[in-house]
Protein backbone atom coordinates (compact mmCIF):
# COMPACT_ATOMS: atom_id res chain seq x y z
CA UNK A 1 39.87 4.58 -21.94
CA UNK A 2 41.50 1.26 -21.15
CA UNK A 3 39.75 -1.15 -23.53
CA UNK A 4 40.59 -1.70 -27.18
CA UNK A 5 41.58 1.46 -29.02
CA UNK A 6 38.56 3.51 -30.02
CA UNK A 7 36.02 1.45 -28.09
CA UNK A 8 34.51 1.24 -24.62
CA UNK A 9 34.38 -2.05 -22.80
CA UNK A 10 31.17 -2.98 -20.99
CA UNK A 11 30.54 -5.27 -18.07
CA UNK A 12 27.06 -6.49 -17.19
CA UNK A 13 26.14 -7.28 -13.59
CA UNK A 14 23.15 -9.63 -13.43
CA UNK A 15 22.26 -11.88 -16.37
CA UNK A 16 18.47 -12.05 -16.14
CA UNK A 17 15.90 -11.09 -18.78
CA UNK A 18 16.85 -7.42 -19.13
CA UNK A 19 20.59 -8.17 -19.39
CA UNK A 20 19.99 -9.69 -22.81
CA UNK A 21 18.54 -6.35 -23.94
CA UNK A 22 21.64 -4.51 -22.73
CA UNK A 23 23.94 -6.98 -24.46
CA UNK A 24 21.97 -6.69 -27.70
CA UNK A 25 22.07 -2.89 -27.51
CA UNK A 26 25.83 -2.87 -26.90
CA UNK A 27 26.31 -5.16 -29.90
CA UNK A 28 24.70 -2.58 -32.20
CA UNK A 29 27.13 0.19 -31.24
CA UNK A 30 30.34 0.33 -33.27
CA UNK A 31 32.44 1.77 -30.43
CA UNK A 32 31.19 -0.52 -27.67
CA UNK A 33 31.88 -4.14 -26.85
CA UNK A 34 30.76 -6.52 -24.13
CA UNK A 35 33.82 -7.89 -22.36
CA UNK A 36 32.55 -9.51 -19.16
CA UNK A 37 29.47 -10.43 -17.12
CA UNK A 38 28.81 -11.68 -13.61
CA UNK A 39 25.86 -13.05 -11.67
CA UNK A 40 25.32 -14.60 -8.25
CA UNK A 41 24.22 -17.67 -10.21
CA UNK A 42 27.51 -18.70 -11.73
CA UNK A 43 25.95 -21.11 -14.22
CA UNK A 44 23.67 -18.40 -15.59
CA UNK A 45 26.61 -16.05 -16.04
CA UNK A 46 28.64 -18.74 -17.79
CA UNK A 47 25.83 -19.58 -20.21
CA UNK A 48 25.17 -15.88 -20.93
CA UNK A 49 28.88 -15.25 -21.58
CA UNK A 50 29.30 -18.32 -23.78
CA UNK A 51 26.43 -17.20 -25.99
CA UNK A 52 28.04 -13.78 -26.46
CA UNK A 53 31.74 -14.64 -26.59
CA UNK A 54 32.74 -12.70 -23.49
CA UNK A 55 34.16 -13.54 -20.06
CA UNK A 56 32.15 -14.68 -17.04
CA UNK A 57 33.64 -13.38 -13.80
CA UNK A 58 32.99 -15.17 -10.49
CA UNK A 59 31.96 -12.00 -8.68
CA UNK A 60 31.47 -8.24 -8.81
CA UNK A 61 34.93 -7.46 -7.43
CA UNK A 62 36.58 -9.42 -10.21
CA UNK A 63 34.53 -7.69 -12.89
CA UNK A 64 35.27 -4.24 -11.44
CA UNK A 65 38.98 -5.04 -11.28
CA UNK A 66 39.16 -5.53 -15.04
CA UNK A 67 40.93 -2.56 -16.73
CA UNK A 68 39.08 -3.29 -19.99
CA UNK A 69 35.68 -2.61 -18.37
CA UNK A 70 34.92 1.09 -18.73
CA UNK A 71 31.13 1.00 -18.30
CA UNK A 72 29.01 -1.21 -16.02
CA UNK A 73 25.39 -2.09 -16.81
CA UNK A 74 23.54 -2.73 -13.55
CA UNK A 75 20.88 -5.37 -14.26
CA UNK A 76 20.34 -6.84 -10.80
CA UNK A 77 17.03 -6.66 -8.88
CA UNK A 78 15.94 -3.05 -8.37
CA UNK A 79 16.59 -3.00 -4.63
CA UNK A 80 20.28 -3.71 -5.28
CA UNK A 81 20.87 -1.03 -7.92
CA UNK A 82 22.45 1.52 -5.59
CA UNK A 83 24.55 -1.09 -3.77
CA UNK A 84 26.09 -2.37 -7.01
CA UNK A 85 26.23 1.06 -8.64
CA UNK A 86 28.07 2.69 -5.75
CA UNK A 87 30.71 -0.03 -5.82
CA UNK A 88 31.13 0.40 -9.58
CA UNK A 89 31.41 4.18 -9.24
CA UNK A 90 34.07 3.80 -6.55
CA UNK A 91 35.97 1.61 -9.03
CA UNK A 92 35.85 4.44 -11.57
CA UNK A 93 33.34 2.83 -13.92
CA UNK A 94 30.69 4.75 -15.81
CA UNK A 95 27.18 3.48 -15.13
CA UNK A 96 24.13 2.34 -17.09
CA UNK A 97 21.53 1.47 -14.45
CA UNK A 98 18.38 -0.35 -15.47
CA UNK A 99 15.20 1.35 -14.27
CA UNK A 100 14.31 2.24 -11.61
CA UNK A 101 17.38 3.90 -10.11
CA UNK A 102 16.49 1.97 -6.92
CA UNK A 103 13.35 1.48 -4.83
CA UNK A 104 13.90 4.24 -2.24
CA UNK A 105 14.88 7.89 -2.46
CA UNK A 106 17.79 7.57 0.01
CA UNK A 107 19.26 4.77 -2.13
CA UNK A 108 18.86 6.90 -5.26
CA UNK A 109 20.63 9.80 -3.57
CA UNK A 110 23.50 7.53 -2.48
CA UNK A 111 24.05 6.38 -6.04
CA UNK A 112 23.85 9.87 -7.54
CA UNK A 113 26.22 11.18 -4.87
CA UNK A 114 28.71 8.37 -5.48
CA UNK A 115 28.74 8.97 -9.23
CA UNK A 116 29.28 12.70 -8.75
CA UNK A 117 32.03 12.16 -6.20
CA UNK A 118 33.81 9.68 -8.47
CA UNK A 119 33.39 11.86 -11.57
CA UNK A 120 31.75 9.09 -13.56
CA UNK A 121 28.77 9.31 -15.91
CA UNK A 122 25.46 7.83 -14.75
CA UNK A 123 22.42 7.13 -16.87
CA UNK A 124 19.26 5.40 -15.64
CA UNK A 125 17.39 3.61 -18.39
CA UNK A 126 14.58 5.80 -19.66
CA UNK A 127 14.93 4.58 -23.22
CA UNK A 128 11.50 5.66 -24.39
CA UNK A 129 12.74 9.25 -24.44
CA UNK A 130 14.63 8.09 -27.52
CA UNK A 131 11.58 6.57 -29.24
CA UNK A 132 10.76 8.29 -32.57
CA UNK A 133 7.29 9.33 -31.41
CA UNK A 134 8.61 10.94 -28.24
CA UNK A 135 11.31 12.81 -30.10
CA UNK A 136 8.63 14.20 -32.40
CA UNK A 137 6.29 15.00 -29.50
CA UNK A 138 9.03 16.91 -27.69
CA UNK A 139 9.69 18.87 -30.88
CA UNK A 140 6.01 19.76 -31.15
CA UNK A 141 5.92 20.83 -27.51
CA UNK A 142 9.07 22.89 -27.95
CA UNK A 143 7.52 24.61 -30.97
CA UNK A 144 4.36 25.39 -29.01
CA UNK A 145 2.23 23.46 -31.49
CA UNK A 146 -0.16 22.25 -28.78
CA UNK A 147 -0.61 25.65 -27.19
CA UNK A 148 -0.89 25.91 -23.41
CA UNK A 149 -0.82 22.42 -21.88
CA UNK A 150 -4.01 21.54 -20.02
CA UNK A 151 -4.35 17.75 -19.71
CA UNK A 152 -2.23 14.60 -19.87
CA UNK A 153 -2.64 10.86 -19.37
CA UNK A 154 -0.07 8.10 -18.90
CA UNK A 155 -1.47 4.58 -19.10
CA UNK A 156 0.25 1.21 -18.72
CA UNK A 157 -2.34 -1.56 -18.85
CA UNK A 158 -0.18 -4.66 -19.07
CA UNK A 159 -0.58 -8.26 -18.02
CA UNK A 160 1.78 -10.46 -16.04
CA UNK A 161 0.95 -13.98 -14.95
CA UNK A 162 1.39 -15.26 -11.42
CA UNK A 163 4.15 -17.44 -12.85
CA UNK A 164 6.06 -14.28 -13.82
CA UNK A 165 6.07 -13.14 -10.20
CA UNK A 166 6.81 -16.65 -8.93
CA UNK A 167 9.83 -16.96 -11.25
CA UNK A 168 12.04 -15.15 -8.72
CA UNK A 169 11.42 -14.67 -5.02
CA UNK A 170 12.27 -10.94 -5.19
CA UNK A 171 9.60 -10.11 -7.80
CA UNK A 172 6.69 -8.11 -6.44
CA UNK A 173 8.40 -7.37 -3.11
CA UNK A 174 8.75 -3.88 -1.68
CA UNK A 175 12.41 -4.34 -0.80
CA UNK A 176 13.70 -5.63 -4.14
CA UNK A 177 11.18 -4.82 -6.87
CA UNK A 178 8.16 -2.68 -6.08
CA UNK A 179 4.85 -3.09 -7.85
CA UNK A 180 3.44 -2.31 -11.27
CA UNK A 181 4.08 1.44 -10.95
CA UNK A 182 7.75 1.13 -10.01
CA UNK A 183 8.49 -1.68 -12.46
CA UNK A 184 6.25 -1.42 -15.53
CA UNK A 185 4.50 1.95 -15.35
CA UNK A 186 7.63 3.91 -14.52
CA UNK A 187 8.55 4.48 -18.17
CA UNK A 188 5.41 6.38 -19.07
CA UNK A 189 5.37 8.19 -15.74
CA UNK A 190 8.83 9.40 -16.74
CA UNK A 191 7.53 10.52 -20.14
CA UNK A 192 4.55 12.28 -18.55
CA UNK A 193 6.85 14.21 -16.23
CA UNK A 194 9.35 14.88 -19.05
CA UNK A 195 6.67 16.36 -21.30
CA UNK A 196 4.54 18.16 -18.72
CA UNK A 197 7.09 19.50 -16.26
CA UNK A 198 7.26 19.45 -12.45
CA UNK A 199 4.41 18.01 -10.38
CA UNK A 200 3.04 19.94 -7.41
CA UNK A 201 0.24 17.67 -6.17
CA UNK A 202 -0.54 13.94 -6.29
CA UNK A 203 -3.57 11.98 -5.13
CA UNK A 204 -3.30 8.22 -5.58
CA UNK A 205 -4.71 4.82 -4.75
CA UNK A 206 -3.05 1.39 -5.09
CA UNK A 207 -4.40 -2.14 -4.87
CA UNK A 208 -3.30 -5.74 -5.37
CA UNK A 209 -6.10 -7.08 -7.54
CA UNK A 210 -5.06 -10.24 -9.36
CA UNK A 211 -1.75 -11.53 -7.99
CA UNK A 212 -0.33 -12.98 -4.80
CA UNK A 213 2.44 -10.44 -4.29
CA UNK A 214 3.48 -8.05 -1.56
CA UNK A 215 3.37 -4.88 -3.69
CA UNK A 216 0.53 -3.46 -5.77
CA UNK A 217 -0.40 -4.69 -9.24
CA UNK A 218 -2.68 -1.69 -9.93
CA UNK A 219 -2.08 2.01 -9.24
CA UNK A 220 -3.99 5.14 -10.21
CA UNK A 221 -3.13 8.78 -9.59
CA UNK A 222 -4.37 12.29 -10.31
CA UNK A 223 -1.59 14.86 -10.62
CA UNK A 224 -1.41 18.63 -10.84
CA UNK A 225 1.56 20.15 -12.64
CA UNK A 226 3.36 23.36 -11.83
CA UNK A 227 1.96 24.88 -15.00
CA UNK A 228 -1.60 24.38 -13.75
CA UNK A 229 -2.26 21.47 -16.11
CA UNK A 230 -3.67 18.26 -14.67
CA UNK A 231 -3.19 14.61 -15.55
CA UNK A 232 -3.77 10.99 -14.69
CA UNK A 233 -1.54 7.96 -14.24
CA UNK A 234 -2.72 4.35 -14.53
CA UNK A 235 -0.43 1.36 -14.15
CA UNK A 236 -1.46 -2.27 -13.90
CA UNK A 237 -0.17 -5.77 -14.54
CA UNK A 238 -3.68 -7.17 -14.11
CA UNK A 239 -5.15 -5.96 -17.43
CA UNK A 240 -5.53 -9.13 -19.52
CA UNK A 241 -4.33 -9.62 -22.22
CA UNK A 242 -2.21 -6.44 -22.10
CA UNK A 243 -2.47 -3.24 -24.13
CA UNK A 244 -0.04 -0.70 -25.62
CA UNK A 245 1.42 1.87 -23.28
CA UNK A 246 -0.26 5.18 -23.98
CA UNK A 247 0.60 8.84 -23.46
CA UNK A 248 -1.89 11.58 -24.32
CA UNK A 249 -0.92 15.24 -24.19
CA UNK A 250 -3.58 17.90 -24.76
CA UNK A 251 -3.11 21.62 -25.07
CA UNK A 252 -5.36 24.51 -26.00
CA UNK A 253 -4.43 24.05 -29.68
CA UNK A 254 -4.24 20.28 -30.10
CA UNK A 255 -3.67 16.74 -28.86
CA UNK A 256 -0.99 14.14 -29.52
CA UNK A 257 -1.43 10.47 -28.60
CA UNK A 258 1.56 8.12 -28.37
CA UNK A 259 1.26 4.34 -28.12
CA UNK A 260 4.36 2.21 -27.54
CA UNK A 261 6.66 5.00 -28.63
CA UNK A 262 4.84 5.91 -31.85
CA UNK A 263 2.47 8.78 -32.51
CA UNK A 264 -0.87 7.23 -33.44
CA UNK A 265 -2.95 10.39 -33.50
CA UNK A 266 -2.29 14.08 -33.73
CA UNK A 267 -5.00 16.72 -33.97
CA UNK A 268 -4.50 20.44 -34.39
CA UNK A 269 -7.69 22.43 -34.79
CA UNK A 270 -9.87 20.55 -37.28
CA UNK A 271 -7.02 18.46 -38.74
CA UNK A 272 -6.27 14.96 -37.44
CA UNK A 273 -4.14 12.04 -38.56
CA UNK A 274 -4.11 8.41 -37.47
CA UNK A 275 -0.75 6.67 -37.77
CA UNK A 276 -1.43 3.15 -36.41
CA UNK A 277 0.30 1.26 -33.60
CA UNK A 278 1.20 -2.21 -32.38
CA UNK A 279 1.56 -4.13 -29.13
CA UNK A 280 4.84 -5.61 -27.86
CA UNK A 281 5.80 -5.75 -24.19
CA UNK A 282 2.17 -5.46 -23.09
CA UNK A 283 2.01 -9.21 -22.48
CA UNK A 284 5.66 -10.29 -22.86
CA UNK A 285 8.33 -8.79 -20.57
CA UNK A 286 11.06 -9.79 -23.04
CA UNK A 287 9.44 -8.06 -26.05
CA UNK A 288 11.22 -4.72 -25.77
CA UNK A 289 12.87 -3.10 -28.77
CA UNK A 290 16.65 -2.81 -28.73
CA UNK A 291 17.01 0.46 -30.65
CA UNK A 292 15.99 2.82 -27.86
CA UNK A 293 18.21 1.10 -25.29
CA UNK A 294 21.07 1.41 -27.77
CA UNK A 295 20.32 5.11 -28.35
CA UNK A 296 20.47 5.84 -24.63
CA UNK A 297 23.73 3.93 -24.17
CA UNK A 298 25.16 5.78 -27.17
CA UNK A 299 24.13 9.05 -25.53
CA UNK A 300 26.03 8.07 -22.37
CA UNK A 301 29.15 7.29 -24.40
CA UNK A 302 28.86 10.63 -26.19
CA UNK A 303 28.51 12.38 -22.83
CA UNK A 304 31.69 10.69 -21.60
CA UNK A 305 33.60 11.65 -24.73
CA UNK A 306 32.36 15.25 -24.73
CA UNK A 307 32.61 15.76 -20.98
CA UNK A 308 28.97 16.76 -20.66
CA UNK A 309 26.05 15.58 -18.61
CA UNK A 310 23.67 13.25 -20.38
CA UNK A 311 20.17 14.46 -21.36
CA UNK A 312 18.04 15.07 -18.29
CA UNK A 313 18.68 14.43 -14.61
CA UNK A 314 19.89 10.95 -13.63
CA UNK A 315 16.76 9.17 -12.48
CA UNK A 316 15.83 10.93 -9.21
CA UNK A 317 12.87 12.98 -10.49
């Protein structure tokens, strides 16, 4: 540890919308501090740094050369995640990579391989695993409360305007961003896979329904899990005005429904309870809660301190 005694210094690469979430999450952690940022747009980096009392470096090399940066948050466009992450790993920095790990499997493998070779910790943001409702759902699944799993559904029916995609030339492109499934739906696909186990079969269809973009804005899939259970995936940014993300898990003994990280219904036999839910990021890409990001970053820091792997595999599956 080369930053201030007892704390880990963070550097953020890319100062767009999601970088503010990373900075806010770091600020909540007592043993973490933001020390430097960088962006290809120097003015954006300077403004971001000034608002958070940290340094703005002119480039990635300068940020990676800082001995007080122990952890790098990769917040650049998705198609650059592996490129930036590999360079950070080679510099000996631990990594927090915003989802997805990258947009291709070879790029993901390069990043994972670089982190392993360098002996640094790597976590890919899957913050909803730390949501209270998902923690409770995993406990119920571990206890066998739902019986044998038979059916699951992951639904992301969000709305993004054309202006959202037009705000940066890389948005909605295959090379740098991907479509609604890779960008927005990925979180609840991750939760579906986390709760239901390995997938053995996928049938899917994608379409671009309401936007002028290269990638899809609507995707649907039917999946079969190794356990024999089946499920569906729906992801769209064309569902006006936007609805809560939803995960339903059904077993032979009950059903649990999660919306935006909170259990809104659980039914076991004849008993059922409705807990209520809200909206959030369904219509606003900036409306994401800080707490779960902070919990995942804290888990990475604990993994570094304890010399263990973080929870789960790092973003490939």
